[in-house]
Amino acid sequence: MRLVFAGTPETALPSLRTLIDSPRHEVVAVVTRPDAQSGRGRKVHPSPVAELAEEAGIEVLRPPKAGDPAFLDRLRELEPDCCPVVAYGALLPQPALDVPRHGWINLHFSILPAWRGAAPVQHAVLHGDEITGATTFQIVKELDAGPVYGVVTEEVRDSDTSGALLERLSVSGAGLLAATLDGVEDGTLEARPQPADGVTIAPKISVTDARVDWAKPAMHVDRLIRACTPNPGAWSEFRGQRVKLGPVRVVPGERLAAGEIVASKTSVLVGTASDAVELGEVQPQGKRLMGAVEWARGVRPEGKELFG
């Protein structure tokens, strides 16, 4: 099949590589978000998907909006049979959805209808799901509600950050997407409506949402920090400045006041509503990432001093 692939971040790269290498399909163009500022120097860079496509000699389309007339005209000229989508990051209007004869097929990182929305992996970690996965489905106007082609499952490990879990899902999901396109081309795969029950929504987790509430139980603190790693990054305040926090370890039976910091030569503990947690890596505002013990050695928390 002739494919126009839509995607933007690194998460989409395993799928794009798989389809470029597929003997059954031809990626004639990619659609991605416009070049954006990134890094310390805030220089303008192409998206990871754009970089890979350019390396492979594939045409790159960067419409500010997917409804732009010039983009729609070019899409029609390309005559794609299908448009696979992985983390494109923009809404697709009906005129765009109508172009390919097999529609737009999205790879979504949850088992639909659970966790429809922008941050399915983060919410799976945050809510303590034991199993998650990836789903291929036909894009329709309603958010992540189209009929499903296929599913793969993945265990959520106790130590998983959203970044680690998403990395595994992006690889297994790439195989699912390729198999889905093969089945669509053969006519052997038919999309089936999603169940009406079990719908949950996974909105984007903001920086404000990522602030740790030490008055919550240790399990919640642990899940929140892992869910927000690497983005947007969990944080707390110490002496009026933000400190970004990496994953923690729950210390059963150790009780401290909520937010209370107890530092020793080998560990830094912080109290929650239940057991204390041991900090791992931290990043003070404007400084590099470092181990919690090194951080505490520099700031020297005083008795009963708290994270805010």
Protein backbone atom coordinates (compact mmCIF):
# COMPACT_ATOMS: atom_id res chain seq x y z
CA MET A 1 0.00 0.00 0.00
CA ARG A 2 0.96 3.61 -0.51
CA LEU A 3 1.26 5.18 2.93
CA VAL A 4 1.48 8.71 4.28
CA PHE A 5 2.74 8.35 7.84
CA ALA A 6 1.78 10.93 10.48
CA GLY A 7 3.83 11.28 13.66
CA THR A 8 6.13 13.64 15.53
CA PRO A 9 8.17 12.43 18.58
CA GLU A 10 10.69 9.64 19.11
CA THR A 11 7.84 7.37 20.19
CA ALA A 12 6.77 7.19 16.54
CA LEU A 13 10.19 6.16 15.20
CA PRO A 14 9.94 2.36 15.70
CA SER A 15 6.71 2.33 13.69
CA LEU A 16 8.10 4.54 10.92
CA ARG A 17 11.26 2.43 10.64
CA THR A 18 9.19 -0.77 10.48
CA LEU A 19 7.02 0.59 7.68
CA ILE A 20 9.97 1.99 5.72
CA ASP A 21 11.58 -1.47 5.87
CA SER A 22 8.36 -3.31 4.98
CA PRO A 23 8.43 -4.98 1.54
CA ARG A 24 4.64 -4.71 1.38
CA HIS A 25 4.22 -0.98 1.86
CA GLU A 26 5.67 2.25 0.48
CA VAL A 27 5.92 5.33 2.68
CA VAL A 28 5.55 8.12 0.11
CA ALA A 29 5.51 11.01 2.62
CA VAL A 30 5.30 11.81 6.31
CA VAL A 31 3.18 14.42 8.07
CA THR A 32 4.66 15.94 11.21
CA ARG A 33 4.41 19.01 13.41
CA PRO A 34 6.31 22.12 12.29
CA ASP A 35 9.92 22.55 13.43
CA ALA A 36 10.05 23.77 17.04
CA GLN A 37 12.47 25.18 19.58
CA SER A 38 14.16 22.68 21.88
CA GLY A 39 17.24 22.26 24.05
CA ARG A 40 19.10 24.75 26.21
CA GLY A 41 19.79 27.12 23.33
CA ARG A 42 16.14 27.03 22.23
CA LYS A 43 17.24 26.45 18.67
CA VAL A 44 14.68 25.41 16.08
CA HIS A 45 14.90 21.70 15.26
CA PRO A 46 12.88 19.34 13.05
CA SER A 47 10.85 16.66 14.78
CA PRO A 48 12.41 13.19 15.20
CA VAL A 49 10.01 11.86 12.57
CA ALA A 50 11.04 14.60 10.12
CA GLU A 51 14.72 13.82 10.67
CA LEU A 52 14.26 10.10 10.01
CA ALA A 53 12.14 10.74 6.91
CA GLU A 54 14.70 13.15 5.47
CA GLU A 55 17.49 10.63 6.07
CA ALA A 56 15.43 8.08 4.14
CA GLY A 57 14.71 10.52 1.30
CA ILE A 58 10.99 10.70 2.07
CA GLU A 59 8.96 13.86 1.50
CA VAL A 60 8.10 15.73 4.71
CA LEU A 61 4.89 17.74 5.13
CA ARG A 62 4.74 20.19 8.06
CA PRO A 63 1.30 21.83 7.96
CA PRO A 64 0.56 24.28 10.81
CA LYS A 65 -2.93 22.76 10.72
CA ALA A 66 -4.05 19.55 9.06
CA GLY A 67 -6.95 21.42 7.50
CA ASP A 68 -4.77 23.82 5.51
CA PRO A 69 -5.89 23.80 1.86
CA ALA A 70 -2.33 23.48 0.52
CA PHE A 71 -1.72 20.43 2.69
CA LEU A 72 -5.00 18.80 1.71
CA ASP A 73 -4.23 19.39 -1.97
CA ARG A 74 -0.81 17.73 -1.62
CA LEU A 75 -2.30 14.84 0.34
CA ARG A 76 -4.79 14.20 -2.46
CA GLU A 77 -1.99 14.36 -5.05
CA LEU A 78 -0.06 11.68 -3.14
CA GLU A 79 -3.09 9.34 -3.34
CA PRO A 80 -2.32 7.32 -0.21
CA ASP A 81 -4.17 4.06 0.32
CA CYS A 82 -3.90 4.53 4.08
CA CYS A 83 -2.44 6.99 6.60
CA PRO A 84 -0.98 5.33 9.72
CA VAL A 85 -0.68 7.67 12.72
CA VAL A 86 1.55 7.46 15.81
CA ALA A 87 1.61 10.42 18.22
CA TYR A 88 1.10 13.06 15.55
CA GLY A 89 -0.09 15.63 18.07
CA ALA A 90 -2.77 17.51 16.11
CA LEU A 91 -6.43 17.06 15.27
CA LEU A 92 -7.33 15.68 11.85
CA PRO A 93 -10.36 17.35 10.22
CA GLN A 94 -12.88 15.38 8.20
CA PRO A 95 -11.56 16.57 4.79
CA ALA A 96 -8.20 14.99 5.68
CA LEU A 97 -9.82 11.82 7.03
CA ASP A 98 -11.69 11.41 3.76
CA VAL A 99 -8.60 11.28 1.52
CA PRO A 100 -7.15 7.74 1.90
CA ARG A 101 -9.45 4.91 0.81
CA HIS A 102 -8.58 2.88 3.93
CA GLY A 103 -8.72 5.92 6.20
CA TRP A 104 -6.30 6.90 8.97
CA ILE A 105 -5.25 4.10 11.33
CA ASN A 106 -3.95 5.21 14.72
CA LEU A 107 -1.60 3.36 17.08
CA HIS A 108 -2.71 4.38 20.58
CA PHE A 109 -0.80 3.37 23.70
CA SER A 110 -3.58 1.86 25.81
CA ILE A 111 -6.13 -0.92 25.57
CA LEU A 112 -9.11 1.04 24.31
CA PRO A 113 -11.61 2.13 25.49
CA ALA A 114 -9.42 2.64 28.57
CA TRP A 115 -7.35 5.83 28.67
CA ARG A 116 -8.54 7.71 25.63
CA GLY A 117 -6.66 10.98 25.31
CA ALA A 118 -3.24 12.58 25.30
CA ALA A 119 -1.47 10.77 28.17
CA PRO A 120 -2.57 7.11 28.33
CA VAL A 121 0.75 5.70 29.53
CA GLN A 122 1.15 8.29 32.28
CA HIS A 123 -2.35 7.57 33.58
CA ALA A 124 -1.80 3.81 33.48
CA VAL A 125 1.23 4.26 35.76
CA LEU A 126 -0.45 6.87 37.94
CA HIS A 127 -3.51 4.71 38.58
CA GLY A 128 -1.58 1.53 39.27
CA ASP A 129 -2.76 -0.48 36.26
CA GLU A 130 -1.21 -3.95 36.20
CA ILE A 131 -1.73 -4.44 32.46
CA THR A 132 -1.79 -1.93 29.63
CA GLY A 133 -1.01 -2.20 25.93
CA ALA A 134 -1.45 -0.64 22.52
CA THR A 135 -4.39 -0.55 20.14
CA THR A 136 -4.76 0.09 16.41
CA PHE A 137 -8.05 1.70 15.43
CA GLN A 138 -9.75 3.66 12.67
CA ILE A 139 -9.72 7.39 13.40
CA VAL A 140 -13.14 9.04 13.58
CA LYS A 141 -14.19 12.52 14.64
CA GLU A 142 -14.75 11.55 18.30
CA LEU A 143 -11.54 11.30 20.35
CA ASP A 144 -9.98 7.80 20.23
CA ALA A 145 -13.43 6.26 19.77
CA GLY A 146 -13.08 4.55 16.39
CA PRO A 147 -13.46 0.83 15.73
CA VAL A 148 -10.52 -1.37 16.75
CA TYR A 149 -8.33 -3.54 14.52
CA GLY A 150 -5.96 -5.11 17.02
CA VAL A 151 -4.39 -5.02 20.49
CA VAL A 152 -1.12 -6.00 22.16
CA THR A 153 -0.74 -6.15 25.93
CA GLU A 154 2.14 -5.21 28.23
CA GLU A 155 2.69 -5.74 31.95
CA VAL A 156 3.19 -2.58 33.98
CA ARG A 157 6.18 -3.25 36.23
CA ASP A 158 6.40 -1.87 39.77
CA SER A 159 9.48 0.13 38.78
CA ASP A 160 8.14 1.44 35.46
CA THR A 161 8.33 5.12 34.66
CA SER A 162 6.04 6.34 31.92
CA GLY A 163 9.14 6.77 29.74
CA ALA A 164 10.31 3.18 30.18
CA LEU A 165 6.83 1.76 29.62
CA LEU A 166 6.24 3.91 26.54
CA GLU A 167 9.54 2.79 25.06
CA ARG A 168 8.48 -0.86 25.29
CA LEU A 169 5.02 -0.11 23.91
CA SER A 170 6.44 1.85 20.98
CA VAL A 171 8.38 -1.26 19.90
CA SER A 172 5.60 -3.83 20.36
CA GLY A 173 3.11 -1.35 18.92
CA ALA A 174 5.20 -0.99 15.76
CA GLY A 175 4.73 -4.69 15.05
CA LEU A 176 1.01 -4.38 15.72
CA LEU A 177 0.67 -1.44 13.34
CA ALA A 178 2.51 -3.26 10.55
CA ALA A 179 0.38 -6.38 11.04
CA THR A 180 -2.76 -4.24 11.01
CA LEU A 181 -1.81 -2.62 7.70
CA ASP A 182 -1.02 -6.04 6.23
CA GLY A 183 -4.46 -7.30 7.25
CA VAL A 184 -6.21 -4.22 5.89
CA GLU A 185 -4.41 -4.61 2.57
CA ASP A 186 -5.32 -8.32 2.38
CA GLY A 187 -8.92 -7.67 3.34
CA THR A 188 -8.56 -10.21 6.17
CA LEU A 189 -8.87 -7.71 9.03
CA GLU A 190 -12.05 -5.90 9.98
CA ALA A 191 -12.34 -3.17 12.59
CA ARG A 192 -14.82 -3.83 15.39
CA PRO A 193 -16.61 -1.21 17.52
CA GLN A 194 -15.16 -0.43 20.93
CA PRO A 195 -17.10 -1.63 24.00
CA ALA A 196 -19.46 0.97 25.43
CA ASP A 197 -18.30 0.18 28.97
CA GLY A 198 -14.90 0.86 30.48
CA VAL A 199 -14.24 4.24 28.92
CA THR A 200 -11.66 6.28 30.85
CA ILE A 201 -10.03 9.56 29.83
CA ALA A 202 -6.32 10.40 30.03
CA PRO A 203 -5.88 14.18 29.79
CA LYS A 204 -2.43 15.73 29.52
CA ILE A 205 -0.63 15.94 32.89
CA SER A 206 0.47 19.53 33.46
CA VAL A 207 3.42 20.85 35.42
CA THR A 208 0.96 21.89 38.13
CA ASP A 209 -0.42 18.33 38.27
CA ALA A 210 3.15 17.02 38.68
CA ARG A 211 3.68 18.73 42.05
CA VAL A 212 4.09 16.11 44.77
CA ASP A 213 1.58 16.23 47.63
CA TRP A 214 3.41 14.70 50.59
CA ALA A 215 0.12 14.45 52.51
CA LYS A 216 -0.81 11.59 50.16
CA PRO A 217 0.19 7.97 50.91
CA ALA A 218 3.59 6.70 49.79
CA MET A 219 2.04 4.54 47.05
CA HIS A 220 0.48 7.63 45.46
CA VAL A 221 3.71 9.63 45.70
CA ASP A 222 5.65 6.77 44.10
CA ARG A 223 3.16 6.40 41.24
CA LEU A 224 2.92 10.15 40.58
CA ILE A 225 6.68 10.55 40.33
CA ARG A 226 7.05 7.53 38.03
CA ALA A 227 4.12 8.70 35.90
CA CYS A 228 5.73 12.12 35.46
CA THR A 229 9.17 10.72 34.55
CA PRO A 230 10.54 11.98 32.23
CA ASN A 231 7.76 14.44 31.40
CA PRO A 232 6.59 16.83 32.72
CA GLY A 233 8.84 15.92 35.69
CA ALA A 234 7.58 15.57 39.27
CA TRP A 235 8.67 18.30 41.64
CA SER A 236 8.41 19.82 45.08
CA GLU A 237 9.57 23.05 46.72
CA PHE A 238 12.48 23.38 49.12
CA ARG A 239 13.29 26.78 50.60
CA GLY A 240 11.11 28.45 48.01
CA GLN A 241 12.73 26.83 44.97
CA ARG A 242 11.62 23.92 42.84
CA VAL A 243 13.41 20.60 43.06
CA LYS A 244 12.66 18.05 40.34
CA LEU A 245 12.37 14.52 41.69
CA GLY A 246 13.24 11.20 40.09
CA PRO A 247 11.66 7.86 41.08
CA VAL A 248 11.63 7.03 44.79
CA ARG A 249 11.65 3.86 46.87
CA VAL A 250 8.98 3.23 49.51
CA VAL A 251 10.51 2.35 52.90
CA PRO A 252 7.98 0.14 54.75
CA GLY A 253 7.60 0.88 58.45
CA GLU A 254 9.52 4.17 58.38
CA ARG A 255 7.24 7.00 59.52
CA LEU A 256 7.92 10.74 59.27
CA ALA A 257 5.73 13.82 59.14
CA ALA A 258 4.39 14.61 55.66
CA GLY A 259 7.17 16.31 53.71
CA GLU A 260 9.74 15.99 56.52
CA ILE A 261 13.29 15.44 55.25
CA VAL A 262 15.74 13.23 57.10
CA ALA A 263 19.19 13.01 55.50
CA SER A 264 22.05 10.67 56.42
CA LYS A 265 25.35 9.81 54.78
CA THR A 266 23.67 7.07 52.75
CA SER A 267 20.05 8.13 52.16
CA VAL A 268 17.50 10.93 52.09
CA LEU A 269 14.03 10.05 53.40
CA VAL A 270 10.87 12.10 53.04
CA GLY A 271 7.66 11.57 54.98
CA THR A 272 4.24 10.93 53.43
CA ALA A 273 0.80 10.14 54.85
CA SER A 274 1.96 6.53 55.26
CA ASP A 275 5.49 5.16 54.92
CA ALA A 276 8.46 7.37 54.14
CA VAL A 277 10.08 7.28 50.71
CA GLU A 278 13.77 7.33 49.86
CA LEU A 279 14.73 9.89 47.21
CA GLY A 280 16.73 8.77 44.20
CA GLU A 281 17.93 11.49 41.83
CA VAL A 282 16.99 15.14 42.23
CA GLN A 283 17.56 18.26 40.17
CA PRO A 284 17.58 21.61 41.98
CA GLN A 285 16.30 24.60 40.02
CA GLY A 286 18.92 25.76 37.53
CA LYS A 287 21.35 22.95 38.37
CA ARG A 288 22.30 19.51 37.09
CA LEU A 289 20.73 16.19 37.97
CA MET A 290 22.37 14.62 41.03
CA GLY A 291 21.92 11.92 43.65
CA ALA A 292 19.79 12.86 46.64
CA VAL A 293 22.64 12.33 49.12
CA GLU A 294 24.86 14.74 47.17
CA TRP A 295 22.04 17.28 47.08
CA ALA A 296 21.43 16.99 50.83
CA ARG A 297 25.13 17.33 51.55
CA GLY A 298 25.04 20.70 49.81
CA VAL A 299 21.83 22.15 51.23
CA ARG A 300 22.09 20.54 54.70
CA PRO A 301 18.40 20.15 55.60
CA GLU A 302 17.79 21.22 59.20
CA GLY A 303 15.76 19.28 61.75
CA LYS A 304 12.07 18.96 60.80
CA GLU A 305 12.62 20.94 57.58
CA LEU A 306 9.95 20.12 55.01
CA PHE A 307 9.38 19.88 51.29
CA GLY A 308 6.53 22.20 50.35
